[in-house]
């Protein structure tokens, strides 16, 4: 594949300008930008769903394990309360 130098790139841009004209070039650029943006958002829509599933699995594991802090808090609360007479 031949290398494209600065003169070749300028020639290609001149041909594109002659083919499409000055009024169509901004529209083409805008539509290409919107297409790329839509493609990126489409790719990112799948990623958060995977993260939410993993977060849900972590929450299930955490809720199944007994909490040591709750038992320690109850013992501390019992020590603070005077015994009932």
N, C-alpha and C. Protein backbone atom coordinates (compact mmCIF):
# COMPACT_ATOMS: atom_id res chain seq x y z
N UNK A 1 0.86 -1.18 0.00
CA UNK A 1 0.00 0.00 0.00
C UNK A 1 0.90 1.24 0.00
N UNK A 2 0.66 2.14 -0.94
CA UNK A 2 1.52 3.32 -1.03
C UNK A 2 1.26 4.29 0.12
N UNK A 3 2.30 5.00 0.47
CA UNK A 3 2.18 6.03 1.52
C UNK A 3 1.52 7.27 0.95
N UNK A 4 0.69 7.90 1.76
CA UNK A 4 0.04 9.14 1.35
C UNK A 4 0.82 10.31 1.94
N UNK A 5 1.36 11.12 1.07
CA UNK A 5 2.08 12.30 1.50
C UNK A 5 1.14 13.49 1.58
N UNK A 6 1.64 14.64 1.96
CA UNK A 6 0.80 15.82 2.10
C UNK A 6 0.16 16.26 0.77
N UNK A 7 0.88 16.09 -0.34
CA UNK A 7 0.32 16.50 -1.63
C UNK A 7 -0.84 15.59 -2.04
N UNK A 8 -0.72 14.30 -1.76
CA UNK A 8 -1.80 13.37 -2.10
C UNK A 8 -3.05 13.65 -1.28
N UNK A 9 -2.85 13.96 0.00
CA UNK A 9 -3.99 14.27 0.87
C UNK A 9 -4.69 15.54 0.41
N UNK A 10 -3.92 16.55 0.02
CA UNK A 10 -4.51 17.80 -0.48
C UNK A 10 -5.28 17.53 -1.77
N UNK A 11 -4.75 16.69 -2.63
CA UNK A 11 -5.45 16.36 -3.87
C UNK A 11 -6.76 15.63 -3.59
N UNK A 12 -6.76 14.70 -2.64
CA UNK A 12 -7.99 13.98 -2.28
C UNK A 12 -9.02 14.94 -1.71
N UNK A 13 -8.59 15.85 -0.83
CA UNK A 13 -9.51 16.82 -0.24
C UNK A 13 -10.09 17.76 -1.30
N UNK A 14 -9.27 18.14 -2.28
CA UNK A 14 -9.76 19.00 -3.36
C UNK A 14 -10.81 18.27 -4.20
N UNK A 15 -10.59 17.00 -4.48
CA UNK A 15 -11.57 16.23 -5.25
C UNK A 15 -12.87 16.08 -4.48
N UNK A 16 -12.77 15.82 -3.17
CA UNK A 16 -13.98 15.71 -2.33
C UNK A 16 -14.73 17.04 -2.32
N UNK A 17 -14.00 18.13 -2.20
CA UNK A 17 -14.63 19.46 -2.20
C UNK A 17 -15.34 19.73 -3.53
N UNK A 18 -14.72 19.34 -4.62
CA UNK A 18 -15.34 19.56 -5.93
C UNK A 18 -16.57 18.66 -6.14
N UNK A 19 -16.51 17.44 -5.63
CA UNK A 19 -17.64 16.53 -5.80
C UNK A 19 -18.86 16.93 -4.96
N UNK A 20 -18.62 17.27 -3.71
CA UNK A 20 -19.73 17.52 -2.81
C UNK A 20 -20.09 18.99 -2.66
N UNK A 21 -19.16 19.88 -2.87
CA UNK A 21 -19.45 21.30 -2.77
C UNK A 21 -19.38 21.80 -1.34
N UNK A 22 -19.38 23.12 -1.22
CA UNK A 22 -19.21 23.75 0.09
C UNK A 22 -20.46 23.61 0.96
N UNK A 23 -21.63 23.46 0.38
CA UNK A 23 -22.85 23.39 1.20
C UNK A 23 -23.07 22.00 1.78
N UNK A 24 -22.62 20.97 1.08
CA UNK A 24 -22.85 19.60 1.56
C UNK A 24 -21.81 19.13 2.56
N UNK A 25 -20.61 19.68 2.52
CA UNK A 25 -19.55 19.20 3.41
C UNK A 25 -19.90 19.34 4.89
N UNK A 26 -20.43 20.47 5.36
CA UNK A 26 -20.80 20.53 6.78
C UNK A 26 -21.89 19.53 7.15
N UNK A 27 -22.85 19.31 6.25
CA UNK A 27 -23.90 18.33 6.52
C UNK A 27 -23.32 16.93 6.61
N UNK A 28 -22.38 16.59 5.72
CA UNK A 28 -21.75 15.28 5.76
C UNK A 28 -20.96 15.08 7.05
N UNK A 29 -20.23 16.10 7.44
CA UNK A 29 -19.46 16.02 8.69
C UNK A 29 -20.35 15.85 9.90
N UNK A 30 -21.46 16.61 9.92
CA UNK A 30 -22.40 16.53 11.03
C UNK A 30 -23.04 15.14 11.11
N UNK A 31 -23.45 14.61 9.97
CA UNK A 31 -24.09 13.30 9.97
C UNK A 31 -23.09 12.20 10.34
N UNK A 32 -21.84 12.33 9.93
CA UNK A 32 -20.84 11.35 10.33
C UNK A 32 -20.58 11.42 11.83
N UNK A 33 -20.54 12.62 12.38
CA UNK A 33 -20.35 12.78 13.83
C UNK A 33 -21.49 12.18 14.62
N UNK A 34 -22.73 12.39 14.15
CA UNK A 34 -23.89 11.82 14.83
C UNK A 34 -23.86 10.30 14.74
N UNK A 35 -23.43 9.76 13.62
CA UNK A 35 -23.35 8.31 13.46
C UNK A 35 -22.32 7.72 14.42
N UNK A 36 -21.18 8.35 14.52
CA UNK A 36 -20.14 7.87 15.42
C UNK A 36 -20.61 7.96 16.87
N UNK A 37 -21.27 9.07 17.23
CA UNK A 37 -21.79 9.25 18.58
C UNK A 37 -22.82 8.18 18.91
N UNK A 38 -23.71 7.90 17.96
CA UNK A 38 -24.71 6.85 18.16
C UNK A 38 -24.08 5.49 18.32
N UNK A 39 -23.04 5.22 17.57
CA UNK A 39 -22.33 3.94 17.67
C UNK A 39 -21.69 3.80 19.05
N UNK A 40 -21.08 4.87 19.55
CA UNK A 40 -20.43 4.81 20.86
C UNK A 40 -21.46 4.61 21.97
N UNK A 41 -22.59 5.30 21.90
CA UNK A 41 -23.61 5.11 22.93
C UNK A 41 -24.19 3.70 22.86
N UNK A 42 -24.30 3.16 21.67
CA UNK A 42 -24.77 1.79 21.52
C UNK A 42 -23.81 0.79 22.16
N UNK A 43 -22.53 1.04 22.05
CA UNK A 43 -21.55 0.17 22.69
C UNK A 43 -21.58 0.31 24.20
N UNK A 44 -21.80 1.52 24.70
CA UNK A 44 -21.80 1.75 26.13
C UNK A 44 -23.08 1.30 26.81
N UNK A 45 -24.15 1.08 26.05
CA UNK A 45 -25.40 0.63 26.66
C UNK A 45 -25.26 -0.77 27.23
N UNK A 46 -24.46 -1.62 26.62
CA UNK A 46 -24.28 -2.99 27.11
C UNK A 46 -23.38 -3.04 28.33
N UNK A 47 -22.42 -2.17 28.44
CA UNK A 47 -21.46 -2.22 29.54
C UNK A 47 -22.11 -1.98 30.90
N UNK A 48 -22.97 -0.98 31.12
CA UNK A 48 -23.57 -0.78 32.44
C UNK A 48 -24.43 -1.96 32.88
N UNK A 49 -25.08 -2.65 31.96
CA UNK A 49 -25.90 -3.80 32.33
C UNK A 49 -25.02 -4.88 32.93
N UNK A 50 -23.83 -5.09 32.40
CA UNK A 50 -22.92 -6.08 32.96
C UNK A 50 -22.45 -5.65 34.34
N UNK A 51 -22.18 -4.36 34.55
CA UNK A 51 -21.75 -3.87 35.84
C UNK A 51 -22.85 -4.02 36.88
N UNK A 52 -24.10 -3.78 36.51
CA UNK A 52 -25.21 -3.90 37.44
C UNK A 52 -25.39 -5.34 37.88
N UNK A 53 -25.21 -6.29 36.97
CA UNK A 53 -25.35 -7.69 37.32
C UNK A 53 -24.27 -8.10 38.32
N UNK A 54 -23.04 -7.64 38.11
CA UNK A 54 -21.97 -7.96 39.03
C UNK A 54 -22.22 -7.32 40.39
N UNK A 55 -22.74 -6.09 40.41
CA UNK A 55 -23.03 -5.42 41.66
C UNK A 55 -24.14 -6.15 42.40
N UNK A 56 -25.13 -6.66 41.68
CA UNK A 56 -26.21 -7.42 42.29
C UNK A 56 -25.70 -8.71 42.91
N UNK A 57 -24.75 -9.37 42.26
CA UNK A 57 -24.17 -10.59 42.80
C UNK A 57 -23.39 -10.29 44.07
N UNK A 58 -22.66 -9.18 44.08
CA UNK A 58 -21.91 -8.80 45.27
C UNK A 58 -22.84 -8.51 46.43
N UNK A 59 -23.97 -7.86 46.16
CA UNK A 59 -24.93 -7.54 47.22
C UNK A 59 -25.54 -8.81 47.78
N UNK A 60 -25.81 -9.80 46.93
CA UNK A 60 -26.37 -11.06 47.41
C UNK A 60 -25.37 -11.77 48.31
N UNK A 61 -24.11 -11.75 47.97
CA UNK A 61 -23.09 -12.39 48.78
C UNK A 61 -22.96 -11.67 50.11
N UNK A 62 -22.99 -10.34 50.11
CA UNK A 62 -22.87 -9.57 51.34
C UNK A 62 -24.06 -9.80 52.26
N UNK A 63 -25.27 -9.89 51.71
CA UNK A 63 -26.44 -10.06 52.55
C UNK A 63 -26.51 -11.47 53.14
N UNK A 64 -25.90 -12.46 52.50
CA UNK A 64 -25.93 -13.83 52.99
C UNK A 64 -24.94 -14.02 54.15
N UNK A 65 -23.89 -13.25 54.17
CA UNK A 65 -22.89 -13.38 55.23
C UNK A 65 -23.36 -12.64 56.48
N UNK A 66 -23.20 -13.24 57.67
CA UNK A 66 -23.62 -12.55 58.89
C UNK A 66 -22.70 -11.36 59.16
N UNK A 67 -23.27 -10.34 59.71
CA UNK A 67 -22.50 -9.14 60.01
C UNK A 67 -22.00 -9.20 61.43
N UNK A 68 -20.71 -9.06 61.60
CA UNK A 68 -20.12 -9.07 62.94
C UNK A 68 -20.38 -7.75 63.63
N UNK A 69 -20.50 -6.67 62.88
CA UNK A 69 -20.71 -5.35 63.46
C UNK A 69 -22.04 -5.27 64.20
N UNK A 70 -23.07 -5.91 63.69
CA UNK A 70 -24.38 -5.85 64.32
C UNK A 70 -24.34 -6.51 65.69
N UNK A 71 -23.65 -7.63 65.82
CA UNK A 71 -23.53 -8.31 67.11
C UNK A 71 -22.71 -7.46 68.08
N UNK A 72 -21.65 -6.84 67.60
CA UNK A 72 -20.82 -6.00 68.45
C UNK A 72 -21.61 -4.77 68.90
N UNK A 73 -22.42 -4.20 68.03
CA UNK A 73 -23.23 -3.04 68.40
C UNK A 73 -24.25 -3.42 69.47
N UNK A 74 -24.83 -4.60 69.37
CA UNK A 74 -25.83 -5.04 70.35
C UNK A 74 -25.17 -5.25 71.71
N UNK A 75 -23.98 -5.85 71.74
CA UNK A 75 -23.28 -6.06 72.99
C UNK A 75 -22.90 -4.73 73.63
N UNK A 76 -22.49 -3.76 72.82
CA UNK A 76 -22.13 -2.44 73.33
C UNK A 76 -23.35 -1.74 73.90
N UNK A 77 -24.50 -1.88 73.25
CA UNK A 77 -25.72 -1.27 73.73
C UNK A 77 -26.17 -1.90 75.04
N UNK A 78 -25.99 -3.21 75.19
CA UNK A 78 -26.36 -3.90 76.43
C UNK A 78 -25.48 -3.46 77.59
N UNK A 79 -24.23 -3.19 77.34
CA UNK A 79 -23.31 -2.76 78.39
C UNK A 79 -23.65 -1.35 78.87
N UNK A 80 -24.13 -0.50 77.98
CA UNK A 80 -24.46 0.87 78.33
C UNK A 80 -25.74 0.96 79.16
N UNK A 81 -26.70 0.07 78.92
CA UNK A 81 -27.97 0.10 79.64
C UNK A 81 -27.80 -0.53 81.02
N UNK A 82 -28.30 0.15 82.04
CA UNK A 82 -28.23 -0.46 83.38
C UNK A 82 -29.23 -1.62 83.46
N UNK A 83 -28.92 -2.61 84.24
CA UNK A 83 -29.84 -3.74 84.37
C UNK A 83 -31.15 -3.29 85.01
N UNK A 84 -32.23 -3.91 84.54
CA UNK A 84 -33.56 -3.55 85.06
C UNK A 84 -33.74 -4.19 86.42
N UNK A 85 -34.27 -3.42 87.42
CA UNK A 85 -34.44 -3.95 88.78
C UNK A 85 -35.84 -4.44 89.00
